[in-house]
């Protein structure tokens, strides 16, 4: 299922289901997003579907529902978008605001990537390929972002938090994303590294 939409003036993608998270802050004054960061997420690991991701991003996760959730206690995180296995898009934070997806991070020497990036979580893991529907929706979201903001680059969480994070993982097809979006290669500074 491919979606098409645009980012409105309030930073919300018109083709996404809104699932507001309380985990965000105002971006630093005068800063618009220039970077898109691609992640993967599954809760519990390698299990897809269900409501755990939304519950986690909304601080409602039942930490006793699965042993893995215990180490997530007290964590407050979010991402702007989640793209599910079937291509459905959910948005948790306005793109005009700073979501808490990158953590300690640096992009080409620029620290604090949350300040100037949009985070997109793909439902998946480092151990499996992503679905065609996810690539189609990711393409649509990236197109909408590049029409609305001065996006200059796309990177993986592993690129901006090297040694700390591994997502979106070895099965993510960066060359496919570049081909789908038809963005120039300079938007993909790490493409040669994958």
N, C-alpha and C. Protein backbone atom coordinates (compact mmCIF):
# COMPACT_ATOMS: atom_id res chain seq x y z
N UNK A 1 0.84 -1.16 0.00
CA UNK A 1 0.00 0.00 0.00
C UNK A 1 0.89 1.23 0.00
N UNK A 2 0.83 2.02 -1.03
CA UNK A 2 1.58 3.26 -1.09
C UNK A 2 0.67 4.39 -0.66
N UNK A 3 1.24 5.32 0.06
CA UNK A 3 0.48 6.48 0.50
C UNK A 3 1.07 7.70 -0.18
N UNK A 4 0.25 8.72 -0.32
CA UNK A 4 0.74 9.98 -0.89
C UNK A 4 0.17 11.09 -0.06
N UNK A 5 0.96 12.06 0.23
CA UNK A 5 0.49 13.18 1.02
C UNK A 5 1.53 14.27 1.02
N UNK A 6 1.28 15.26 1.83
CA UNK A 6 2.22 16.35 1.97
C UNK A 6 2.34 16.72 3.43
N UNK A 7 3.37 17.46 3.75
CA UNK A 7 3.57 17.94 5.11
C UNK A 7 2.89 19.29 5.22
N UNK A 8 1.93 19.42 6.14
CA UNK A 8 1.23 20.70 6.27
C UNK A 8 2.08 21.70 7.04
N UNK A 9 1.59 22.92 7.19
CA UNK A 9 2.38 23.97 7.82
C UNK A 9 2.67 23.68 9.29
N UNK A 10 1.87 22.82 9.91
CA UNK A 10 2.11 22.44 11.30
C UNK A 10 3.06 21.26 11.42
N UNK A 11 3.57 20.76 10.28
CA UNK A 11 4.56 19.69 10.31
C UNK A 11 3.99 18.28 10.32
N UNK A 12 2.71 18.14 10.01
CA UNK A 12 2.06 16.81 10.01
C UNK A 12 1.86 16.33 8.59
N UNK A 13 2.16 15.06 8.38
CA UNK A 13 2.03 14.41 7.07
C UNK A 13 0.57 14.02 6.87
N UNK A 14 -0.04 14.52 5.82
CA UNK A 14 -1.48 14.36 5.64
C UNK A 14 -1.91 12.92 5.39
N UNK A 15 -0.99 12.06 4.94
CA UNK A 15 -1.35 10.66 4.66
C UNK A 15 -1.06 9.73 5.84
N UNK A 16 -0.63 10.28 6.96
CA UNK A 16 -0.29 9.45 8.12
C UNK A 16 -1.41 9.47 9.16
N UNK A 17 -1.49 8.41 9.90
CA UNK A 17 -2.35 8.37 11.08
C UNK A 17 -1.59 9.06 12.21
N UNK A 18 -2.22 10.04 12.84
CA UNK A 18 -1.57 10.75 13.95
C UNK A 18 -1.70 9.97 15.24
N UNK A 19 -0.56 9.77 15.89
CA UNK A 19 -0.52 9.08 17.18
C UNK A 19 0.42 9.92 18.07
N UNK A 20 -0.06 11.05 18.58
CA UNK A 20 0.84 12.01 19.24
C UNK A 20 1.58 11.43 20.45
N UNK A 21 2.87 11.70 20.47
CA UNK A 21 3.74 11.33 21.59
C UNK A 21 4.04 12.57 22.42
N UNK A 22 4.13 12.41 23.74
CA UNK A 22 4.53 13.54 24.58
C UNK A 22 6.05 13.75 24.58
N UNK A 23 6.78 12.88 23.92
CA UNK A 23 8.25 12.90 23.97
C UNK A 23 8.83 13.71 22.82
N UNK A 24 8.84 15.02 22.99
CA UNK A 24 9.41 15.91 21.99
C UNK A 24 9.72 17.25 22.65
N UNK A 25 10.45 18.07 21.93
CA UNK A 25 10.76 19.43 22.36
C UNK A 25 10.71 20.34 21.16
N UNK A 26 10.73 21.63 21.42
CA UNK A 26 10.82 22.62 20.36
C UNK A 26 12.22 22.55 19.77
N UNK A 27 12.32 22.65 18.45
CA UNK A 27 13.64 22.70 17.83
C UNK A 27 14.32 24.01 18.23
N UNK A 28 15.65 24.03 18.19
CA UNK A 28 16.35 25.29 18.44
C UNK A 28 15.87 26.37 17.46
N UNK A 29 15.84 27.59 17.92
CA UNK A 29 15.34 28.70 17.10
C UNK A 29 16.07 28.78 15.77
N UNK A 30 15.28 28.92 14.71
CA UNK A 30 15.83 29.07 13.37
C UNK A 30 16.29 27.78 12.71
N UNK A 31 16.09 26.64 13.36
CA UNK A 31 16.55 25.36 12.81
C UNK A 31 15.39 24.60 12.19
N UNK A 32 15.55 24.25 10.92
CA UNK A 32 14.61 23.37 10.23
C UNK A 32 15.32 22.05 9.97
N UNK A 33 14.55 20.99 9.76
CA UNK A 33 15.22 19.71 9.47
C UNK A 33 15.94 19.73 8.13
N UNK A 34 17.18 19.25 8.16
CA UNK A 34 17.98 19.11 6.94
C UNK A 34 18.43 17.67 6.72
N UNK A 35 18.15 16.80 7.69
CA UNK A 35 18.60 15.41 7.66
C UNK A 35 17.42 14.48 7.93
N UNK A 36 17.35 13.38 7.20
CA UNK A 36 16.39 12.31 7.48
C UNK A 36 17.19 11.12 8.00
N UNK A 37 16.79 10.60 9.16
CA UNK A 37 17.47 9.45 9.77
C UNK A 37 16.54 8.24 9.70
N UNK A 38 17.03 7.16 9.09
CA UNK A 38 16.26 5.93 8.95
C UNK A 38 16.68 4.95 10.06
N UNK A 39 15.67 4.40 10.74
CA UNK A 39 15.86 3.46 11.84
C UNK A 39 15.09 2.17 11.53
N UNK A 40 15.25 1.17 12.41
CA UNK A 40 14.30 0.06 12.45
C UNK A 40 13.88 -0.16 13.89
N UNK A 41 12.70 -0.73 14.07
CA UNK A 41 12.19 -1.00 15.41
C UNK A 41 11.25 -2.20 15.35
N UNK A 42 11.31 -3.01 16.38
CA UNK A 42 10.32 -4.07 16.59
C UNK A 42 10.25 -4.33 18.09
N UNK A 43 9.05 -4.43 18.58
CA UNK A 43 8.82 -4.69 20.01
C UNK A 43 7.76 -5.76 20.16
N UNK A 44 8.14 -6.89 20.79
CA UNK A 44 9.49 -7.33 21.16
C UNK A 44 10.36 -7.52 19.91
N UNK A 45 11.66 -7.70 20.10
CA UNK A 45 12.55 -7.85 18.95
C UNK A 45 12.07 -8.94 17.98
N UNK A 46 12.09 -8.60 16.71
CA UNK A 46 11.75 -9.51 15.62
C UNK A 46 10.29 -9.96 15.62
N UNK A 47 9.44 -9.27 16.35
CA UNK A 47 8.00 -9.53 16.32
C UNK A 47 7.31 -8.28 15.78
N UNK A 48 6.42 -8.49 14.81
CA UNK A 48 5.81 -7.36 14.12
C UNK A 48 4.31 -7.33 14.35
N UNK A 49 3.74 -6.15 14.23
CA UNK A 49 2.32 -5.97 14.48
C UNK A 49 2.11 -5.63 15.94
N UNK A 50 0.89 -5.43 16.31
CA UNK A 50 0.59 -5.10 17.69
C UNK A 50 0.76 -3.61 17.97
N UNK A 51 0.58 -3.27 19.23
CA UNK A 51 0.54 -1.86 19.62
C UNK A 51 1.73 -1.43 20.47
N UNK A 52 2.73 -2.28 20.63
CA UNK A 52 3.83 -1.98 21.56
C UNK A 52 4.64 -0.75 21.16
N UNK A 53 4.86 -0.54 19.86
CA UNK A 53 5.65 0.62 19.44
C UNK A 53 4.92 1.90 19.83
N UNK A 54 3.64 1.98 19.51
CA UNK A 54 2.85 3.17 19.87
C UNK A 54 2.84 3.36 21.39
N UNK A 55 2.66 2.28 22.12
CA UNK A 55 2.64 2.38 23.58
C UNK A 55 3.98 2.86 24.12
N UNK A 56 5.07 2.39 23.53
CA UNK A 56 6.41 2.81 23.95
C UNK A 56 6.61 4.30 23.70
N UNK A 57 6.25 4.76 22.51
CA UNK A 57 6.43 6.17 22.17
C UNK A 57 5.48 7.08 22.93
N UNK A 58 4.42 6.52 23.50
CA UNK A 58 3.46 7.31 24.27
C UNK A 58 3.61 7.08 25.78
N UNK A 59 4.68 6.42 26.20
CA UNK A 59 4.96 6.16 27.62
C UNK A 59 3.87 5.33 28.28
N UNK A 60 3.26 4.41 27.52
CA UNK A 60 2.18 3.57 28.04
C UNK A 60 2.53 2.08 27.97
N UNK A 61 3.77 1.75 27.65
CA UNK A 61 4.16 0.35 27.48
C UNK A 61 4.06 -0.40 28.80
N UNK A 62 3.40 -1.55 28.77
CA UNK A 62 3.33 -2.44 29.94
C UNK A 62 4.65 -3.20 30.02
N UNK A 63 5.52 -2.77 30.90
CA UNK A 63 6.86 -3.35 30.99
C UNK A 63 6.86 -4.78 31.50
N UNK A 64 5.73 -5.23 32.02
CA UNK A 64 5.63 -6.61 32.50
C UNK A 64 5.08 -7.55 31.43
N UNK A 65 4.71 -7.01 30.26
CA UNK A 65 4.09 -7.83 29.22
C UNK A 65 5.09 -8.73 28.50
N UNK A 66 6.38 -8.38 28.55
CA UNK A 66 7.41 -9.18 27.89
C UNK A 66 8.73 -8.93 28.62
N UNK A 67 9.55 -9.96 28.82
CA UNK A 67 10.82 -9.77 29.54
C UNK A 67 11.72 -8.71 28.92
N UNK A 68 11.70 -8.57 27.59
CA UNK A 68 12.55 -7.58 26.92
C UNK A 68 12.21 -6.16 27.36
N UNK A 69 10.96 -5.92 27.68
CA UNK A 69 10.52 -4.56 27.99
C UNK A 69 11.09 -4.03 29.30
N UNK A 70 11.59 -4.92 30.15
CA UNK A 70 12.07 -4.47 31.46
C UNK A 70 13.18 -3.42 31.34
N UNK A 71 14.10 -3.60 30.39
CA UNK A 71 15.20 -2.63 30.27
C UNK A 71 14.76 -1.31 29.63
N UNK A 72 13.51 -1.25 29.17
CA UNK A 72 12.99 -0.01 28.59
C UNK A 72 12.34 0.89 29.63
N UNK A 73 12.24 0.42 30.86
CA UNK A 73 11.63 1.22 31.92
C UNK A 73 12.33 2.57 32.03
N UNK A 74 11.52 3.61 32.12
CA UNK A 74 12.07 4.95 32.31
C UNK A 74 12.55 5.62 31.04
N UNK A 75 12.64 4.88 29.95
CA UNK A 75 13.08 5.49 28.69
C UNK A 75 11.96 6.34 28.12
N UNK A 76 12.34 7.50 27.61
CA UNK A 76 11.40 8.41 26.96
C UNK A 76 11.96 8.69 25.57
N UNK A 77 11.37 8.05 24.57
CA UNK A 77 11.84 8.21 23.20
C UNK A 77 10.65 8.40 22.27
N UNK A 78 10.96 8.83 21.07
CA UNK A 78 9.93 8.99 20.04
C UNK A 78 10.63 9.04 18.69
N UNK A 79 9.83 9.03 17.67
CA UNK A 79 10.30 9.25 16.31
C UNK A 79 9.20 10.04 15.62
N UNK A 80 9.55 10.71 14.57
CA UNK A 80 8.50 11.43 13.84
C UNK A 80 7.54 10.44 13.19
N UNK A 81 8.10 9.40 12.56
CA UNK A 81 7.28 8.46 11.79
C UNK A 81 7.60 7.01 12.15
N UNK A 82 6.59 6.16 12.00
CA UNK A 82 6.76 4.71 11.97
C UNK A 82 6.08 4.22 10.70
N UNK A 83 6.80 3.41 9.93
CA UNK A 83 6.22 2.79 8.73
C UNK A 83 6.14 1.29 9.00
N UNK A 84 4.92 0.79 9.06
CA UNK A 84 4.67 -0.62 9.39
C UNK A 84 4.96 -1.53 8.20
N UNK A 85 4.99 -2.82 8.45
CA UNK A 85 5.33 -3.81 7.43
C UNK A 85 4.40 -3.73 6.22
N UNK A 86 3.14 -3.36 6.44
CA UNK A 86 2.18 -3.27 5.33
C UNK A 86 2.18 -1.90 4.67
N UNK A 87 3.09 -1.01 5.08
CA UNK A 87 3.20 0.31 4.47
C UNK A 87 2.42 1.41 5.18
N UNK A 88 1.62 1.05 6.18
CA UNK A 88 0.90 2.09 6.92
C UNK A 88 1.89 3.04 7.58
N UNK A 89 1.54 4.32 7.56
CA UNK A 89 2.41 5.34 8.16
C UNK A 89 1.71 5.96 9.36
N UNK A 90 2.43 6.00 10.47
CA UNK A 90 1.96 6.70 11.66
C UNK A 90 2.94 7.83 11.96
N UNK A 91 2.40 8.95 12.45
CA UNK A 91 3.26 10.07 12.83
C UNK A 91 3.04 10.38 14.30
N UNK A 92 4.14 10.48 15.03
CA UNK A 92 4.11 10.67 16.48
C UNK A 92 4.47 12.10 16.90
N UNK A 93 5.27 12.78 16.11
CA UNK A 93 5.74 14.12 16.44
C UNK A 93 5.71 14.95 15.17
N UNK A 94 5.28 16.20 15.29
CA UNK A 94 5.32 17.12 14.16
C UNK A 94 6.77 17.25 13.67
N UNK A 95 6.94 17.34 12.38
CA UNK A 95 8.29 17.52 11.83
C UNK A 95 8.87 18.89 12.19
N UNK A 96 8.02 19.80 12.62
CA UNK A 96 8.50 21.11 13.07
C UNK A 96 9.14 21.03 14.46
N UNK A 97 8.92 19.93 15.16
CA UNK A 97 9.42 19.74 16.52
C UNK A 97 10.57 18.73 16.53
N UNK A 98 11.25 18.66 17.65
CA UNK A 98 12.39 17.76 17.82
C UNK A 98 11.93 16.48 18.52
N UNK A 99 11.91 15.38 17.78
CA UNK A 99 11.62 14.06 18.37
C UNK A 99 12.89 13.54 19.02
N UNK A 100 12.74 12.52 19.84
CA UNK A 100 13.86 11.95 20.59
C UNK A 100 14.23 10.59 20.02
N UNK A 101 14.81 10.58 18.83
CA UNK A 101 15.11 9.33 18.12
C UNK A 101 16.59 9.05 17.95
N UNK A 102 17.43 10.05 17.95
CA UNK A 102 18.83 9.85 17.57
C UNK A 102 19.76 9.64 18.76
N UNK A 103 19.45 10.21 19.91
CA UNK A 103 20.34 10.11 21.06
C UNK A 103 21.66 10.80 20.79
N UNK A 104 22.71 10.33 21.44
CA UNK A 104 24.04 10.89 21.22
C UNK A 104 24.42 10.60 19.78
N UNK A 105 24.66 11.65 19.01
CA UNK A 105 24.80 11.47 17.56
C UNK A 105 25.59 12.60 16.94
N UNK A 106 26.13 12.31 15.76
CA UNK A 106 26.90 13.29 15.00
C UNK A 106 26.77 12.97 13.52
N UNK A 107 26.45 13.99 12.74
CA UNK A 107 26.35 13.83 11.29
C UNK A 107 27.40 14.72 10.63
N UNK A 108 28.41 14.10 10.05
CA UNK A 108 29.50 14.81 9.39
C UNK A 108 30.06 15.92 10.27
N UNK A 109 30.24 15.59 11.56
CA UNK A 109 30.82 16.52 12.52
C UNK A 109 29.83 17.41 13.25
N UNK A 110 28.59 17.39 12.85
CA UNK A 110 27.56 18.22 13.50
C UNK A 110 26.86 17.38 14.57
N UNK A 111 26.95 17.81 15.82
CA UNK A 111 26.42 17.06 16.96
C UNK A 111 24.91 17.28 17.13
N UNK A 112 24.29 16.43 17.97
CA UNK A 112 22.89 16.57 18.38
C UNK A 112 21.94 16.51 17.17
N UNK A 113 21.94 15.39 16.51
CA UNK A 113 21.15 15.24 15.28
C UNK A 113 19.66 15.44 15.49
N UNK A 114 19.14 15.18 16.70
CA UNK A 114 17.72 15.42 16.92
C UNK A 114 17.34 16.86 16.61
N UNK A 115 18.28 17.79 16.81
CA UNK A 115 17.98 19.21 16.58
C UNK A 115 17.60 19.49 15.14
N UNK A 116 18.20 18.78 14.19
CA UNK A 116 18.05 19.15 12.78
C UNK A 116 17.64 17.97 11.89
N UNK A 117 17.02 16.96 12.49
CA UNK A 117 16.65 15.79 11.68
C UNK A 117 15.20 15.38 11.89
N UNK A 118 14.74 14.55 10.96
CA UNK A 118 13.45 13.86 11.06
C UNK A 118 13.77 12.38 11.15
N UNK A 119 13.18 11.71 12.14
CA UNK A 119 13.41 10.28 12.33
C UNK A 119 12.28 9.45 11.75
N UNK A 120 12.64 8.43 10.99
CA UNK A 120 11.67 7.51 10.40
C UNK A 120 12.02 6.09 10.83
N UNK A 121 11.14 5.47 11.59
CA UNK A 121 11.31 4.09 12.04
C UNK A 121 10.60 3.16 11.07
N UNK A 122 11.31 2.17 10.58
CA UNK A 122 10.70 1.11 9.78
C UNK A 122 10.49 -0.08 10.70
N UNK A 123 9.27 -0.61 10.73
CA UNK A 123 9.03 -1.80 11.54
C UNK A 123 9.84 -2.94 10.94
N UNK A 124 10.80 -3.41 11.70
CA UNK A 124 11.69 -4.45 11.20
C UNK A 124 12.83 -4.65 12.16
N UNK A 125 13.87 -5.32 11.69
CA UNK A 125 15.03 -5.57 12.53
C UNK A 125 16.27 -5.71 11.65
N UNK A 126 17.41 -5.86 12.30
CA UNK A 126 18.67 -6.06 11.58
C UNK A 126 18.74 -7.44 10.94
N UNK A 127 17.76 -8.31 11.22
CA UNK A 127 17.83 -9.71 10.79
C UNK A 127 16.87 -10.08 9.67
N UNK A 128 16.21 -9.08 9.08
CA UNK A 128 15.28 -9.43 7.99
C UNK A 128 15.14 -8.27 7.01
N UNK A 129 14.73 -8.63 5.81
CA UNK A 129 14.51 -7.62 4.77
C UNK A 129 13.25 -6.82 5.08
N UNK A 130 13.20 -5.63 4.51
CA UNK A 130 12.01 -4.80 4.63
C UNK A 130 11.07 -5.10 3.47
N UNK A 131 9.82 -4.73 3.63
CA UNK A 131 8.78 -5.04 2.65
C UNK A 131 8.71 -3.98 1.55
N UNK A 132 8.26 -4.41 0.36
CA UNK A 132 8.07 -3.46 -0.74
C UNK A 132 7.17 -2.31 -0.33
N UNK A 133 6.11 -2.61 0.41
CA UNK A 133 5.18 -1.57 0.85
C UNK A 133 5.87 -0.54 1.73
N UNK A 134 6.86 -0.96 2.51
CA UNK A 134 7.60 -0.02 3.34
C UNK A 134 8.46 0.90 2.50
N UNK A 135 9.12 0.35 1.50
CA UNK A 135 9.92 1.20 0.61
C UNK A 135 9.04 2.20 -0.14
N UNK A 136 7.87 1.75 -0.57
CA UNK A 136 6.95 2.66 -1.28
C UNK A 136 6.52 3.81 -0.37
N UNK A 137 6.15 3.49 0.86
CA UNK A 137 5.73 4.54 1.79
C UNK A 137 6.90 5.42 2.20
N UNK A 138 8.06 4.82 2.41
CA UNK A 138 9.24 5.61 2.74
C UNK A 138 9.55 6.61 1.64
N UNK A 139 9.47 6.17 0.39
CA UNK A 139 9.68 7.06 -0.74
C UNK A 139 8.70 8.24 -0.68
N UNK A 140 7.43 7.96 -0.43
CA UNK A 140 6.42 9.03 -0.38
C UNK A 140 6.70 10.01 0.76
N UNK A 141 7.08 9.49 1.92
CA UNK A 141 7.37 10.37 3.06
C UNK A 141 8.60 11.23 2.76
N UNK A 142 9.65 10.62 2.22
CA UNK A 142 10.86 11.37 1.89
C UNK A 142 10.55 12.43 0.85
N UNK A 143 9.75 12.09 -0.16
CA UNK A 143 9.38 13.08 -1.17
C UNK A 143 8.65 14.26 -0.53
N UNK A 144 7.72 13.97 0.38
CA UNK A 144 6.98 15.03 1.06
C UNK A 144 7.92 15.89 1.90
N UNK A 145 8.86 15.27 2.58
CA UNK A 145 9.82 16.01 3.40
C UNK A 145 10.70 16.92 2.56
N UNK A 146 11.16 16.41 1.41
CA UNK A 146 12.04 17.23 0.58
C UNK A 146 11.29 18.38 -0.10
N UNK A 147 9.98 18.23 -0.25
CA UNK A 147 9.19 19.34 -0.79
C UNK A 147 8.95 20.42 0.26
N UNK A 148 8.91 20.04 1.53
CA UNK A 148 8.53 20.98 2.59
C UNK A 148 9.72 21.60 3.32
N UNK A 149 10.82 20.86 3.44
CA UNK A 149 11.97 21.31 4.23
C UNK A 149 13.24 21.29 3.39
N UNK A 150 14.27 22.01 3.84
CA UNK A 150 15.54 22.02 3.10
C UNK A 150 16.40 20.78 3.39
N UNK A 151 15.82 19.61 3.13
CA UNK A 151 16.53 18.35 3.39
C UNK A 151 17.77 18.29 2.49
N UNK A 152 18.90 17.95 3.11
CA UNK A 152 20.17 17.86 2.39
C UNK A 152 20.73 16.45 2.34
N UNK A 153 20.26 15.57 3.26
CA UNK A 153 20.88 14.25 3.33
C UNK A 153 19.97 13.25 4.03
N UNK A 154 20.23 11.97 3.74
CA UNK A 154 19.58 10.84 4.41
C UNK A 154 20.69 9.95 4.95
N UNK A 155 20.47 9.43 6.17
CA UNK A 155 21.47 8.59 6.81
C UNK A 155 20.78 7.56 7.68
N UNK A 156 21.49 6.52 8.02
CA UNK A 156 20.99 5.54 8.96
C UNK A 156 21.38 5.92 10.38
N UNK A 157 20.65 5.39 11.34
CA UNK A 157 21.00 5.60 12.75
C UNK A 157 22.43 5.13 12.99
N UNK A 158 22.81 4.05 12.33
CA UNK A 158 24.16 3.52 12.48
C UNK A 158 25.22 4.49 11.96
N UNK A 159 24.87 5.34 11.01
CA UNK A 159 25.81 6.32 10.47
C UNK A 159 26.06 7.47 11.43
N UNK A 160 25.02 7.87 12.15
CA UNK A 160 25.15 9.04 13.03
C UNK A 160 25.47 8.65 14.47
N UNK A 161 25.38 7.36 14.78
CA UNK A 161 25.71 6.84 16.11
C UNK A 161 26.56 5.59 15.95
N UNK A 162 27.61 5.71 15.16
CA UNK A 162 28.46 4.57 14.82
C UNK A 162 29.04 3.94 16.08
N UNK A 163 28.99 2.61 16.12
CA UNK A 163 29.49 1.88 17.27
C UNK A 163 28.47 1.74 18.38
N UNK A 164 27.41 2.53 18.32
CA UNK A 164 26.36 2.48 19.34
C UNK A 164 25.08 1.90 18.79
N UNK A 165 24.80 2.15 17.52
CA UNK A 165 23.56 1.69 16.89
C UNK A 165 23.88 0.96 15.59
N UNK A 166 23.00 0.03 15.21
CA UNK A 166 23.22 -0.76 13.99
C UNK A 166 22.11 -0.59 12.97
N UNK A 167 21.04 0.08 13.33
CA UNK A 167 19.89 0.19 12.42
C UNK A 167 20.11 1.31 11.40
N UNK A 168 19.49 1.15 10.22
CA UNK A 168 18.43 0.23 9.89
C UNK A 168 18.88 -1.19 9.57
N UNK A 169 20.17 -1.45 9.62
CA UNK A 169 20.66 -2.81 9.47
C UNK A 169 21.10 -3.18 8.07
N UNK A 170 21.71 -4.36 7.93
CA UNK A 170 22.31 -4.77 6.66
C UNK A 170 21.31 -5.08 5.56
N UNK A 171 20.05 -5.28 5.90
CA UNK A 171 19.06 -5.61 4.87
C UNK A 171 18.39 -4.38 4.28
N UNK A 172 18.69 -3.20 4.83
CA UNK A 172 18.09 -2.00 4.26
C UNK A 172 18.80 -1.66 2.95
N UNK A 173 18.03 -1.43 1.90
CA UNK A 173 18.58 -1.20 0.56
C UNK A 173 18.67 0.30 0.27
N UNK A 174 19.82 0.89 0.63
CA UNK A 174 20.02 2.32 0.40
C UNK A 174 19.97 2.65 -1.09
N UNK A 175 20.54 1.79 -1.93
CA UNK A 175 20.53 2.06 -3.37
C UNK A 175 19.10 2.07 -3.90
N UNK A 176 18.24 1.23 -3.34
CA UNK A 176 16.83 1.23 -3.74
C UNK A 176 16.16 2.54 -3.34
N UNK A 177 16.43 3.01 -2.12
CA UNK A 177 15.85 4.28 -1.69
C UNK A 177 16.32 5.42 -2.59
N UNK A 178 17.59 5.42 -2.94
CA UNK A 178 18.10 6.47 -3.83
C UNK A 178 17.42 6.39 -5.19
N UNK A 179 17.27 5.19 -5.70
CA UNK A 179 16.62 5.01 -7.00
C UNK A 179 15.15 5.42 -6.93
N UNK A 180 14.44 5.00 -5.87
CA UNK A 180 13.02 5.33 -5.73
C UNK A 180 12.80 6.84 -5.60
N UNK A 181 13.61 7.49 -4.79
CA UNK A 181 13.41 8.93 -4.55
C UNK A 181 13.95 9.77 -5.70
N UNK A 182 14.86 9.21 -6.46
CA UNK A 182 15.54 9.93 -7.54
C UNK A 182 16.28 11.16 -7.03
N UNK A 183 16.67 11.12 -5.77
CA UNK A 183 17.48 12.21 -5.22
C UNK A 183 18.92 12.02 -5.67
N UNK A 184 19.65 13.11 -5.88
CA UNK A 184 21.05 12.99 -6.29
C UNK A 184 21.87 12.23 -5.25
N UNK A 185 22.95 11.63 -5.69
CA UNK A 185 23.80 10.83 -4.80
C UNK A 185 24.33 11.63 -3.62
N UNK A 186 24.49 12.95 -3.77
CA UNK A 186 25.03 13.73 -2.65
C UNK A 186 24.10 13.72 -1.43
N UNK A 187 22.83 13.34 -1.61
CA UNK A 187 21.91 13.21 -0.48
C UNK A 187 22.22 11.96 0.35
N UNK A 188 23.06 11.09 -0.17
CA UNK A 188 23.36 9.81 0.47
C UNK A 188 24.86 9.71 0.73
N UNK A 189 25.36 10.47 1.70
CA UNK A 189 26.82 10.51 1.90
C UNK A 189 27.43 9.19 2.33
N UNK A 190 26.61 8.26 2.83
CA UNK A 190 27.14 6.97 3.29
C UNK A 190 26.84 5.84 2.30
N UNK A 191 26.25 6.13 1.17
CA UNK A 191 25.84 5.09 0.24
C UNK A 191 27.01 4.20 -0.17
N UNK A 192 28.16 4.76 -0.36
CA UNK A 192 29.33 3.97 -0.73
C UNK A 192 29.84 3.08 0.39
N UNK A 193 29.37 3.36 1.64
CA UNK A 193 29.82 2.58 2.80
C UNK A 193 28.96 1.37 3.06
N UNK A 194 27.86 1.19 2.30
CA UNK A 194 26.94 0.09 2.60
C UNK A 194 27.04 -1.00 1.56
